[in-house]
Amino acid sequence: MSTASSTLVTPSFTRNAVVSTPYSVRDADTSDYMQPLPPSQPATPAPNKLSTEQMARIAENRRLAQERLRAKQMETSAAQQNII
């Protein structure tokens, strides 16, 4: 059996290395830094603007999704118990 030794070599840096940071730029235009980002998705409609039928459909879809999630979680836990 032979024993091989491995050596980890890391790069060395000079003491006065130039590092670019967000604060190293002088006189930069930072006026847009405090502006809020535009919304990534359109705003969802307010609940009072939905019809009763739409709210019922949303509730039913949510209930069905939760049932599917519970079934998937039970399936996963049963599969994990079979592995053990």
Protein backbone atom coordinates (compact mmCIF):
# COMPACT_ATOMS: atom_id res chain seq x y z
CA MET A 1 0.00 0.00 0.00
CA SER A 2 1.47 3.32 -1.02
CA THR A 3 0.75 6.56 0.74
CA ALA A 4 0.44 9.62 -1.41
CA SER A 5 0.52 13.03 0.12
CA SER A 6 -1.51 15.85 -1.33
CA THR A 7 -0.51 19.46 -1.04
CA LEU A 8 -2.97 22.30 -1.18
CA VAL A 9 -1.47 25.30 -2.91
CA THR A 10 -3.17 28.65 -2.47
CA PRO A 11 -2.33 31.77 -4.44
CA SER A 12 -0.45 34.52 -2.65
CA PHE A 13 -1.40 38.15 -3.01
CA THR A 14 0.73 41.23 -2.61
CA ARG A 15 0.02 43.43 0.37
CA ASN A 16 -0.97 46.46 -1.68
CA ALA A 17 -3.20 44.64 -4.14
CA VAL A 18 -5.81 46.78 -5.83
CA VAL A 19 -9.27 45.69 -4.81
CA SER A 20 -12.41 47.00 -6.42
CA THR A 21 -15.24 47.62 -3.99
CA PRO A 22 -18.48 49.54 -4.35
CA TYR A 23 -16.90 52.27 -2.21
CA SER A 24 -13.68 52.60 -4.18
CA VAL A 25 -15.30 54.63 -6.97
CA ARG A 26 -15.22 58.32 -6.16
CA ASP A 27 -17.74 60.84 -7.42
CA ALA A 28 -19.97 58.11 -8.81
CA ASP A 29 -23.58 58.95 -9.55
CA THR A 30 -25.49 57.15 -6.81
CA SER A 31 -28.79 59.00 -7.23
CA ASP A 32 -30.57 55.86 -8.42
CA TYR A 33 -29.42 53.69 -5.49
CA MET A 34 -32.29 54.72 -3.25
CA GLN A 35 -34.97 54.25 -5.88
CA PRO A 36 -37.26 51.25 -5.34
CA LEU A 37 -37.00 48.44 -7.85
CA PRO A 38 -39.86 48.09 -10.30
CA PRO A 39 -42.29 45.28 -9.42
CA SER A 40 -41.22 41.94 -10.84
CA GLN A 41 -44.84 40.82 -11.18
CA PRO A 42 -48.02 42.75 -11.67
CA ALA A 43 -49.85 43.51 -8.46
CA THR A 44 -52.52 41.02 -7.54
CA PRO A 45 -56.03 42.41 -7.52
CA ALA A 46 -57.39 43.53 -4.17
CA PRO A 47 -59.74 40.99 -2.54
CA ASN A 48 -62.70 43.35 -2.64
CA LYS A 49 -62.43 43.59 -6.44
CA LEU A 50 -62.91 39.84 -6.91
CA SER A 51 -66.36 38.46 -7.46
CA THR A 52 -67.78 35.89 -5.08
CA GLU A 53 -67.41 33.26 -7.79
CA GLN A 54 -63.74 34.11 -8.28
CA MET A 55 -63.06 33.96 -4.55
CA ALA A 56 -64.83 30.59 -4.33
CA ARG A 57 -62.75 29.26 -7.23
CA ILE A 58 -59.54 30.46 -5.56
CA ALA A 59 -60.54 28.82 -2.27
CA GLU A 60 -61.36 25.55 -4.04
CA ASN A 61 -58.06 25.57 -5.93
CA ARG A 62 -56.19 26.25 -2.69
CA ARG A 63 -57.99 23.38 -0.94
CA LEU A 64 -57.17 20.98 -3.80
CA ALA A 65 -53.53 22.08 -3.83
CA GLN A 66 -53.25 21.53 -0.08
CA GLU A 67 -54.73 18.03 -0.46
CA ARG A 68 -52.21 17.21 -3.19
CA LEU A 69 -49.39 18.53 -1.01
CA ARG A 70 -50.50 16.46 1.98
CA ALA A 71 -50.77 13.34 -0.20
CA LYS A 72 -47.29 13.94 -1.60
CA GLN A 73 -45.84 14.48 1.89
CA MET A 74 -47.47 11.26 3.15
CA GLU A 75 -46.14 9.42 0.11
CA THR A 76 -42.65 10.75 0.74
CA SER A 77 -42.71 9.89 4.44
CA ALA A 78 -44.01 6.39 3.68
CA ALA A 79 -41.22 5.88 1.15
CA GLN A 80 -38.63 7.04 3.70
CA GLN A 81 -40.01 4.63 6.31
CA ASN A 82 -39.72 1.78 3.82
CA ILE A 83 -36.06 2.66 3.25
CA ILE A 84 -35.21 2.52 6.96
